Amino acid sequence: QLQLVESGGGLVQPGGSLRLSCAASGFTLDYYAIVWFRQAPGKEREGVSCTSSSGRTTNYADSVKGRFTISRDNAKNTVYLQMNSLKPEDTAVYYCAAIIATMCDPSLYEAATFASWGQGTQVTVSS
């Protein structure tokens, strides 16, 4: 069974950091571009960051650029999202999604591109 499992969320104060993990089981991530999404209450799911299958190309939504870093360890079949300088507006459930692609096309930032989702991990930024 192909599955992505997100973990690493929690409650953190503004300005704090968290590292999220996206672990794949049942398949290898080597040929997949990975996108992190987030969904805040009452809002649409939005793409946050993407890494190409090789990891050599990464990009970010303007709202997180300079604060978040996406990385991958294909040997561990895991993708990470390091989140620094967190703000209350970063509060959301974070999801990862995978698609067979070498590059991060802008269409990958559309939630409708992906058919299946994990359970997500809650990130709450609050004092």
Foldseek 3Di string as FASTA:
>chain_A
DWDWDKDWADEAAQQAKIKMKIAIPPDFLQQKKKWKWWDDPPGDIWTAKIAFSVRPDIDGDPVQPPFWDWGDDRVRRMIMIIGGRDDQVVWTFMWMAIDRDRDDDPCVRPPVVGDDTDPTHTHGYHD
